[in-house]
């Protein structure tokens, strides 16, 4: 008995743009313009299926007749049972002087799967600019397996190119800076160059190298204290501005203002990831991690930790009035801390309780920092609760606890809220 063969019909939705000049400006092409060019160059847009079951890559298939609308086309793929289930699609654009926006590709009558839908929503530019085909995936587990369901870098197959060469990378016209924006960008880059490069060299002539000995040394970078910035006094007045750091607004009046609890709460709201701050639903906070794997991960924060800083209110009152909030980076970080902390980087899982004040600001009440039990995950975590302090060692420790929260919040934003969420949505 021969191999079972089958035709898979696909519906392709394309939106095109045609450049109007060499400066990189473009205009939206009408459906008629797109149709006219694609109709005469159907063999210049190819699609190949990639198997999710093996390494098979199918033969190229090309655009065919439109399906009732000028931006919807059909493509027919040859398929046999040895190929397996399609898991990705390769797209090549060899059109003359035209980029197009591929909205989606839908495979119909796929044996064993009926329909497979590729959500593309991406520009496909000419192959002379990008010598590799564009690849789009179906819904698949990020990372390749259930244990690591998140995107991961692979040093064995990735490399970085020099910074100057990166300027030669082709950028699709819809993503290019306008002339005015590019001019502003380059102008600010030149101004920032001495502010970033010169301190790098200063770090190696300090004592000890690459370290600040005190907060005063940090503040001095906004003056003329560094050796290279002192040399700027010999320059023309028009060049001196390139050697100056603008003093941050928060310390223009009070150089200690950045350390206050009020500023900590303000930066949390005005910072990179305010949407992860949630209203506290129960007290003490509990964990959703599996206790059979991670043991007891519930919070150790108690009434006596926070009620003395709640302006006379009780836990019950503030919960009822929706005035208690939490920034919870405990469950998201705890499963990875044991591996992270074996490196030179050290982290805690964290919970931060905040009070909504009558002025409409967030006031930190307590910070809980936790790390995995030294013996095994099943024994739970080791936690300690820190509360605001006005002076002495306790105040310094409180400042360090707030610093850990800022690090966790920034890292969670970059890795989870930003990078992982974008990868998940684009591959969904």
Protein backbone atom coordinates (compact mmCIF):
# COMPACT_ATOMS: atom_id res chain seq x y z
CA UNK A 1 0.00 0.00 0.00
CA UNK A 2 1.46 3.38 -1.03
CA UNK A 3 1.85 6.45 1.09
CA UNK A 4 -1.42 8.32 1.55
CA UNK A 5 -1.29 11.69 -0.23
CA UNK A 6 -3.52 14.68 0.26
CA UNK A 7 -3.95 18.30 -0.76
CA UNK A 8 -4.11 20.85 2.06
CA UNK A 9 -5.77 24.07 1.06
CA UNK A 10 -4.77 27.25 2.86
CA UNK A 11 -6.32 30.69 3.11
CA UNK A 12 -3.74 33.51 3.22
CA UNK A 13 -4.61 37.04 4.31
CA UNK A 14 -2.13 39.67 3.06
CA UNK A 15 -1.99 43.44 3.47
CA UNK A 16 0.63 45.29 1.45
CA UNK A 17 2.54 48.56 1.45
CA UNK A 18 4.51 50.01 -1.43
CA UNK A 19 7.39 52.47 -0.83
CA UNK A 20 6.97 55.85 -2.47
CA UNK A 21 10.57 57.11 -2.31
CA UNK A 22 14.13 56.15 -1.42
CA UNK A 23 13.99 57.98 1.92
CA UNK A 24 12.06 55.06 3.39
CA UNK A 25 8.64 56.70 3.43
CA UNK A 26 5.73 54.55 2.31
CA UNK A 27 2.07 54.68 1.49
CA UNK A 28 -0.58 52.07 2.08
CA UNK A 29 -1.31 50.19 -1.10
CA UNK A 30 -4.94 49.81 -2.08
CA UNK A 31 -6.32 46.28 -2.40
CA UNK A 32 -6.29 46.80 -6.16
CA UNK A 33 -2.57 47.71 -6.19
CA UNK A 34 -1.69 44.70 -4.04
CA UNK A 35 -3.82 42.42 -6.17
CA UNK A 36 -2.30 43.72 -9.40
CA UNK A 37 1.30 43.12 -8.29
CA UNK A 38 0.65 39.77 -6.64
CA UNK A 39 -1.37 38.56 -9.62
CA UNK A 40 1.59 39.15 -11.93
CA UNK A 41 4.21 37.77 -9.51
CA UNK A 42 2.48 34.85 -7.79
CA UNK A 43 5.60 32.69 -8.05
CA UNK A 44 7.54 35.28 -6.04
CA UNK A 45 5.70 34.57 -2.78
CA UNK A 46 6.28 31.04 -1.51
CA UNK A 47 5.13 29.03 1.49
CA UNK A 48 6.57 25.79 2.90
CA UNK A 49 5.17 23.65 5.69
CA UNK A 50 7.41 22.39 8.50
CA UNK A 51 6.47 19.20 10.34
CA UNK A 52 5.94 19.29 14.10
CA UNK A 53 6.65 15.55 14.29
CA UNK A 54 9.96 15.31 12.45
CA UNK A 55 12.41 17.43 10.45
CA UNK A 56 10.44 17.31 7.19
CA UNK A 57 10.05 20.53 5.21
CA UNK A 58 7.51 20.52 2.38
CA UNK A 59 7.90 21.71 -1.18
CA UNK A 60 7.17 25.37 -1.94
CA UNK A 61 3.58 26.32 -2.67
CA UNK A 62 2.57 29.61 -4.24
CA UNK A 63 -0.25 32.11 -4.18
CA UNK A 64 -3.23 31.19 -6.32
CA UNK A 65 -6.56 32.82 -7.04
CA UNK A 66 -8.18 35.24 -4.65
CA UNK A 67 -11.04 33.98 -2.49
CA UNK A 68 -13.62 36.68 -3.01
CA UNK A 69 -11.58 39.57 -1.61
CA UNK A 70 -8.53 41.38 -2.95
CA UNK A 71 -6.41 40.65 0.16
CA UNK A 72 -7.35 36.97 0.60
CA UNK A 73 -5.57 34.32 -1.44
CA UNK A 74 -5.47 30.53 -1.61
CA UNK A 75 -2.45 28.24 -1.48
CA UNK A 76 -2.44 24.47 -2.02
CA UNK A 77 0.15 22.28 -0.29
CA UNK A 78 1.11 18.71 -1.18
CA UNK A 79 0.98 16.47 1.90
CA UNK A 80 1.56 12.79 2.65
CA UNK A 81 1.24 10.83 5.88
CA UNK A 82 5.03 10.58 6.31
CA UNK A 83 5.18 14.36 6.66
CA UNK A 84 3.22 14.44 9.91
CA UNK A 85 1.33 17.38 11.41
CA UNK A 86 2.35 20.87 10.27
CA UNK A 87 3.80 22.88 13.16
CA UNK A 88 5.33 25.87 11.39
CA UNK A 89 5.31 27.64 8.06
CA UNK A 90 8.16 29.28 6.13
CA UNK A 91 7.39 32.35 4.03
CA UNK A 92 9.63 33.95 1.39
CA UNK A 93 8.97 37.28 -0.32
CA UNK A 94 10.72 37.73 -3.69
CA UNK A 95 8.41 40.47 -4.96
CA UNK A 96 9.93 43.48 -6.68
CA UNK A 97 10.26 46.46 -4.33
CA UNK A 98 7.32 45.44 -2.13
CA UNK A 99 6.87 44.40 1.47
CA UNK A 100 3.62 42.90 2.62
CA UNK A 101 1.94 42.37 5.97
CA UNK A 102 0.99 38.75 6.50
CA UNK A 103 -2.02 38.69 8.78
CA UNK A 104 -2.76 34.96 8.94
CA UNK A 105 -2.51 31.57 7.25
CA UNK A 106 -5.24 28.98 7.83
CA UNK A 107 -4.81 25.34 6.78
CA UNK A 108 -8.06 23.50 6.02
CA UNK A 109 -8.76 19.75 6.04
CA UNK A 110 -5.49 18.78 7.74
CA UNK A 111 -5.61 15.00 8.33
CA UNK A 112 -6.08 14.33 12.03
CA UNK A 113 -6.37 18.03 12.91
CA UNK A 114 -9.03 19.45 10.56
CA UNK A 115 -7.93 23.13 10.78
CA UNK A 116 -4.60 24.73 11.80
CA UNK A 117 -4.43 28.51 12.15
CA UNK A 118 -1.22 30.59 12.07
CA UNK A 119 -1.63 34.05 13.58
CA UNK A 120 1.21 35.96 11.86
CA UNK A 121 0.54 39.71 12.14
CA UNK A 122 4.02 40.55 10.89
CA UNK A 123 5.78 42.20 7.98
CA UNK A 124 7.52 39.98 5.46
CA UNK A 125 10.16 41.96 3.63
CA UNK A 126 12.16 41.15 0.55
CA UNK A 127 14.50 38.17 0.63
CA UNK A 128 17.38 40.32 -0.59
CA UNK A 129 17.26 42.08 2.79
CA UNK A 130 16.77 38.97 4.88
CA UNK A 131 18.23 35.85 3.29
CA UNK A 132 16.32 33.51 5.60
CA UNK A 133 12.64 32.70 5.25
CA UNK A 134 10.25 34.10 7.84
CA UNK A 135 8.95 31.41 10.17
CA UNK A 136 5.61 31.34 11.97
CA UNK A 137 4.50 28.74 14.51
CA UNK A 138 1.22 27.19 15.61
CA UNK A 139 0.26 27.00 19.28
CA UNK A 140 3.19 25.19 20.89
CA UNK A 141 4.69 24.95 24.35
CA UNK A 142 7.27 27.70 24.70
CA UNK A 143 10.65 26.22 25.43
CA UNK A 144 9.72 22.83 24.04
CA UNK A 145 8.51 20.96 27.11
CA UNK A 146 6.23 21.27 30.11
CA UNK A 147 9.10 21.59 32.62
CA UNK A 148 10.41 24.79 31.02
CA UNK A 149 7.35 26.44 29.42
CA UNK A 150 9.07 29.75 28.74
CA UNK A 151 11.44 31.14 26.07
CA UNK A 152 15.13 30.44 26.67
CA UNK A 153 18.32 31.67 25.07
CA UNK A 154 20.49 29.00 23.45
CA UNK A 155 24.19 30.03 23.49
CA UNK A 156 25.08 27.06 21.29
CA UNK A 157 23.23 28.53 18.30
CA UNK A 158 23.20 32.27 19.03
CA UNK A 159 25.87 34.92 18.77
CA UNK A 160 26.04 38.70 19.05
CA UNK A 161 27.30 40.97 16.31
CA UNK A 162 29.42 44.08 16.98
CA UNK A 163 27.49 47.24 17.80
CA UNK A 164 28.53 49.08 14.63
CA UNK A 165 27.48 46.17 12.43
CA UNK A 166 24.07 46.17 14.10
CA UNK A 167 23.45 49.56 12.48
CA UNK A 168 23.49 47.80 9.09
CA UNK A 169 20.63 45.45 9.94
CA UNK A 170 17.70 45.98 7.62
CA UNK A 171 14.69 47.53 9.36
CA UNK A 172 11.21 47.27 7.76
CA UNK A 173 9.94 50.64 6.61
CA UNK A 174 7.04 50.70 9.02
CA UNK A 175 9.50 50.40 11.92
CA UNK A 176 12.09 52.90 10.68
CA UNK A 177 12.61 56.17 12.51
CA UNK A 178 11.46 59.23 10.61
CA UNK A 179 14.22 61.64 9.61
CA UNK A 180 13.33 64.01 12.47
CA UNK A 181 13.15 61.24 15.06
CA UNK A 182 16.45 59.75 13.88
CA UNK A 183 18.11 63.18 14.12
CA UNK A 184 16.87 63.62 17.70
CA UNK A 185 17.99 60.10 18.59
CA UNK A 186 21.51 60.62 17.27
CA UNK A 187 21.75 64.03 18.92
CA UNK A 188 20.84 62.68 22.35
CA UNK A 189 23.17 59.71 21.81
CA UNK A 190 26.10 62.05 21.21
CA UNK A 191 25.27 64.03 24.34
CA UNK A 192 25.04 60.85 26.42
CA UNK A 193 28.33 59.47 25.11
CA UNK A 194 30.67 61.39 27.46
CA UNK A 195 28.23 60.90 30.34
CA UNK A 196 28.46 57.11 29.96
CA UNK A 197 31.91 56.45 28.50
CA UNK A 198 33.96 58.79 30.69
CA UNK A 199 32.62 57.44 34.01
CA UNK A 200 33.57 53.98 32.74
CA UNK A 201 37.22 55.07 32.50
CA UNK A 202 37.01 56.94 35.80
CA UNK A 203 35.95 53.72 37.50
CA UNK A 204 39.34 52.19 36.70
CA UNK A 205 41.38 55.02 38.13
CA UNK A 206 39.44 55.16 41.40
CA UNK A 207 40.38 53.46 44.65
CA UNK A 208 39.08 50.78 44.78
CA UNK A 209 38.38 50.34 41.06
CA UNK A 210 34.78 50.27 39.80
CA UNK A 211 33.29 50.93 43.25
CA UNK A 212 31.75 53.84 45.11
CA UNK A 213 33.20 54.30 48.59
CA UNK A 214 30.21 56.35 49.83
CA UNK A 215 26.92 57.91 48.79
CA UNK A 216 28.74 61.23 48.59
CA UNK A 217 30.79 59.84 45.71
CA UNK A 218 27.56 58.91 43.95
CA UNK A 219 26.23 62.44 44.40
CA UNK A 220 29.51 63.89 43.17
CA UNK A 221 28.96 62.54 39.66
CA UNK A 222 26.48 65.41 39.24
CA UNK A 223 29.21 67.95 39.98
CA UNK A 224 32.79 68.50 38.82
CA UNK A 225 34.47 66.02 41.18
CA UNK A 226 35.55 63.28 38.76
CA UNK A 227 39.04 63.58 37.21
CA UNK A 228 37.78 63.63 33.64
CA UNK A 229 34.99 66.07 34.41
CA UNK A 230 37.53 68.35 36.09
CA UNK A 231 39.38 68.38 32.80
CA UNK A 232 36.21 69.76 31.18
CA UNK A 233 36.93 73.09 32.87
CA UNK A 234 39.62 73.61 30.25
CA UNK A 235 37.16 73.17 27.38
CA UNK A 236 35.14 75.71 25.51
CA UNK A 237 31.85 76.66 27.19
CA UNK A 238 29.84 75.08 24.35
CA UNK A 239 31.49 71.70 25.03
CA UNK A 240 31.14 71.69 28.82
CA UNK A 241 27.49 70.62 28.59
CA UNK A 242 28.60 67.25 27.21
CA UNK A 243 30.40 66.50 30.49
CA UNK A 244 27.51 67.31 32.82
CA UNK A 245 25.01 64.90 34.31
CA UNK A 246 21.58 66.45 34.80
CA UNK A 247 20.67 66.22 38.49
CA UNK A 248 17.60 63.96 38.94
CA UNK A 249 14.51 65.86 39.96
CA UNK A 250 13.97 63.74 43.06
CA UNK A 251 17.23 64.98 44.65
CA UNK A 252 17.28 68.53 43.37
CA UNK A 253 16.01 69.87 46.71
CA UNK A 254 16.88 67.07 49.12
CA UNK A 255 19.67 64.62 48.33
CA UNK A 256 18.09 62.04 50.66
CA UNK A 257 14.59 62.24 49.18
CA UNK A 258 15.10 59.09 47.13
CA UNK A 259 15.35 57.03 50.33
CA UNK A 260 11.94 57.93 51.78
CA UNK A 261 9.08 55.44 51.97
CA UNK A 262 6.87 57.95 50.17
CA UNK A 263 9.26 57.99 47.21
CA UNK A 264 9.46 54.19 47.28
CA UNK A 265 5.68 53.99 46.91
CA UNK A 266 5.60 56.73 44.26
CA UNK A 267 8.26 55.02 42.14
CA UNK A 268 6.39 51.73 42.41
CA UNK A 269 3.26 53.35 40.96
CA UNK A 270 5.11 55.46 38.39
CA UNK A 271 7.62 52.74 37.55
CA UNK A 272 7.92 49.93 35.08
CA UNK A 273 5.20 47.58 36.31
CA UNK A 274 2.42 49.14 38.42
CA UNK A 275 -0.24 46.78 37.04
CA UNK A 276 1.07 43.88 39.13
CA UNK A 277 0.13 45.69 42.36
CA UNK A 278 -3.05 43.98 43.58
CA UNK A 279 -5.65 44.60 46.25
CA UNK A 280 -4.99 42.26 49.16
CA UNK A 281 -7.75 39.64 49.25
CA UNK A 282 -6.81 37.79 52.42
CA UNK A 283 -4.55 38.25 55.40
CA UNK A 284 -2.01 36.83 55.93
CA UNK A 285 -1.20 36.31 52.23
CA UNK A 286 -1.11 32.70 51.08
CA UNK A 287 0.77 30.86 48.36
CA UNK A 288 -0.67 29.00 45.39
CA UNK A 289 2.44 26.83 44.96
CA UNK A 290 1.85 23.08 45.32
CA UNK A 291 2.58 22.22 48.99
CA UNK A 292 3.44 18.65 47.96
CA UNK A 293 6.40 20.06 46.03
CA UNK A 294 7.28 23.31 47.79
CA UNK A 295 5.98 22.78 51.31
CA UNK A 296 4.49 25.67 53.29
CA UNK A 297 5.01 28.91 51.36
CA UNK A 298 2.42 31.06 53.17
CA UNK A 299 3.38 34.48 54.47
CA UNK A 300 4.74 35.13 57.96
CA UNK A 301 3.48 38.74 58.00
CA UNK A 302 1.22 39.25 61.03
CA UNK A 303 -0.88 42.04 62.53
CA UNK A 304 1.84 43.10 64.92
CA UNK A 305 4.14 43.80 61.99
CA UNK A 306 1.91 46.33 60.26
CA UNK A 307 -0.88 47.73 62.45
CA UNK A 308 1.42 50.14 64.27
CA UNK A 309 2.03 51.94 60.95
CA UNK A 310 -1.60 51.99 59.80
CA UNK A 311 -2.60 55.36 61.30
CA UNK A 312 -4.85 53.78 63.90
CA UNK A 313 -6.73 51.52 61.47
CA UNK A 314 -7.08 47.77 61.87
CA UNK A 315 -6.47 45.00 59.35
CA UNK A 316 -10.19 44.24 59.18
CA UNK A 317 -11.09 47.88 58.47
CA UNK A 318 -8.53 48.37 55.73
CA UNK A 319 -9.43 45.08 54.05
CA UNK A 320 -13.11 46.06 54.10
CA UNK A 321 -12.34 49.55 52.72
CA UNK A 322 -10.03 48.14 49.98
CA UNK A 323 -7.01 50.05 51.29
CA UNK A 324 -4.50 47.20 51.61
CA UNK A 325 -2.45 46.26 48.57
CA UNK A 326 0.29 43.76 47.82
CA UNK A 327 3.18 43.53 45.38
CA UNK A 328 3.65 39.77 45.31
CA UNK A 329 6.77 38.33 43.67
CA UNK A 330 6.86 35.23 45.87
CA UNK A 331 5.25 32.41 43.89
CA UNK A 332 6.69 33.58 40.56
CA UNK A 333 10.31 33.55 41.81
CA UNK A 334 10.48 30.84 44.48
CA UNK A 335 10.58 27.82 42.07
CA UNK A 336 13.74 29.23 40.44
CA UNK A 337 15.63 30.66 43.40
CA UNK A 338 17.62 27.53 44.22
CA UNK A 339 19.11 27.52 40.72
CA UNK A 340 19.56 31.30 40.56
CA UNK A 341 21.32 31.48 43.91
CA UNK A 342 23.95 28.93 42.87
CA UNK A 343 25.29 31.64 40.53
CA UNK A 344 26.90 34.95 41.42
CA UNK A 345 23.42 36.51 41.34
CA UNK A 346 21.45 36.29 44.58
CA UNK A 347 17.71 36.87 44.93
CA UNK A 348 14.88 36.57 47.43
CA UNK A 349 11.24 35.89 46.70
CA UNK A 350 9.30 38.82 48.06
CA UNK A 351 5.98 40.17 49.27
CA UNK A 352 5.36 43.87 49.94
CA UNK A 353 2.26 45.09 51.77
CA UNK A 354 1.15 48.65 51.09
CA UNK A 355 -1.47 50.97 52.58
CA UNK A 356 -3.51 53.38 50.49
CA UNK A 357 -3.30 56.62 52.47
CA UNK A 358 -5.85 59.42 52.64
CA UNK A 359 -3.55 61.44 50.33
CA UNK A 360 -3.92 58.76 47.64
CA UNK A 361 -0.34 57.48 47.96
CA UNK A 362 0.96 54.00 48.72
CA UNK A 363 2.80 53.56 52.02
CA UNK A 364 4.93 50.43 52.52
CA UNK A 365 3.98 48.56 55.70
CA UNK A 366 6.11 45.42 55.55
CA UNK A 367 8.46 43.52 53.26
CA UNK A 368 8.86 39.75 53.45
CA UNK A 369 11.98 38.22 51.88
CA UNK A 370 12.17 34.45 51.44
CA UNK A 371 14.54 31.81 50.09
CA UNK A 372 14.21 28.01 49.70
CA UNK A 373 14.84 25.82 52.74
CA UNK A 374 18.50 24.72 52.68
CA UNK A 375 17.63 21.02 52.92
CA UNK A 376 14.93 20.64 50.24
CA UNK A 377 11.99 22.41 48.62
CA UNK A 378 9.49 20.19 50.42
CA UNK A 379 10.44 21.84 53.72
CA UNK A 380 9.07 25.17 52.50
CA UNK A 381 10.92 28.46 52.67
CA UNK A 382 12.91 30.52 55.13
CA UNK A 383 11.33 33.95 55.50
CA UNK A 384 11.91 37.15 57.41
CA UNK A 385 9.68 40.19 57.73
CA UNK A 386 11.09 43.73 57.68
CA UNK A 387 9.24 46.87 58.73
CA UNK A 388 9.92 50.62 58.41
CA UNK A 389 12.56 52.07 60.75
CA UNK A 390 13.74 55.64 61.29
CA UNK A 391 17.39 55.16 62.23
CA UNK A 392 20.22 52.84 63.15
CA UNK A 393 20.95 49.42 61.70
CA UNK A 394 17.24 48.67 61.31
CA UNK A 395 16.79 51.65 58.98
CA UNK A 396 19.71 50.52 56.81
CA UNK A 397 18.32 46.98 56.60
CA UNK A 398 14.91 48.43 55.65
CA UNK A 399 16.58 50.35 52.81
CA UNK A 400 18.24 47.14 51.57
CA UNK A 401 14.89 45.31 51.69
CA UNK A 402 13.34 48.03 49.54
CA UNK A 403 16.24 47.69 47.10
CA UNK A 404 15.51 43.97 46.71
CA UNK A 405 11.87 44.80 45.93
CA UNK A 406 12.92 47.28 43.24
CA UNK A 407 15.22 44.66 41.68
CA UNK A 408 12.47 42.00 41.71
CA UNK A 409 9.92 44.39 40.25
CA UNK A 410 12.21 45.45 37.41
CA UNK A 411 13.30 41.89 36.65
CA UNK A 412 9.73 40.55 36.70
CA UNK A 413 8.66 43.30 34.33
CA UNK A 414 11.43 42.63 31.83
CA UNK A 415 11.28 38.83 31.91
CA UNK A 416 7.59 38.05 32.55
CA UNK A 417 5.34 41.04 31.90
CA UNK A 418 7.29 42.14 28.83
CA UNK A 419 9.40 39.44 27.16
CA UNK A 420 7.51 36.27 28.09
CA UNK A 421 4.07 37.83 27.53
CA UNK A 422 5.05 39.09 24.07
CA UNK A 423 6.54 35.72 23.07
CA UNK A 424 3.48 33.90 24.41
CA UNK A 425 1.04 36.16 22.56
CA UNK A 426 2.95 36.07 19.26
CA UNK A 427 3.16 32.27 19.30
CA UNK A 428 -0.39 31.75 20.56
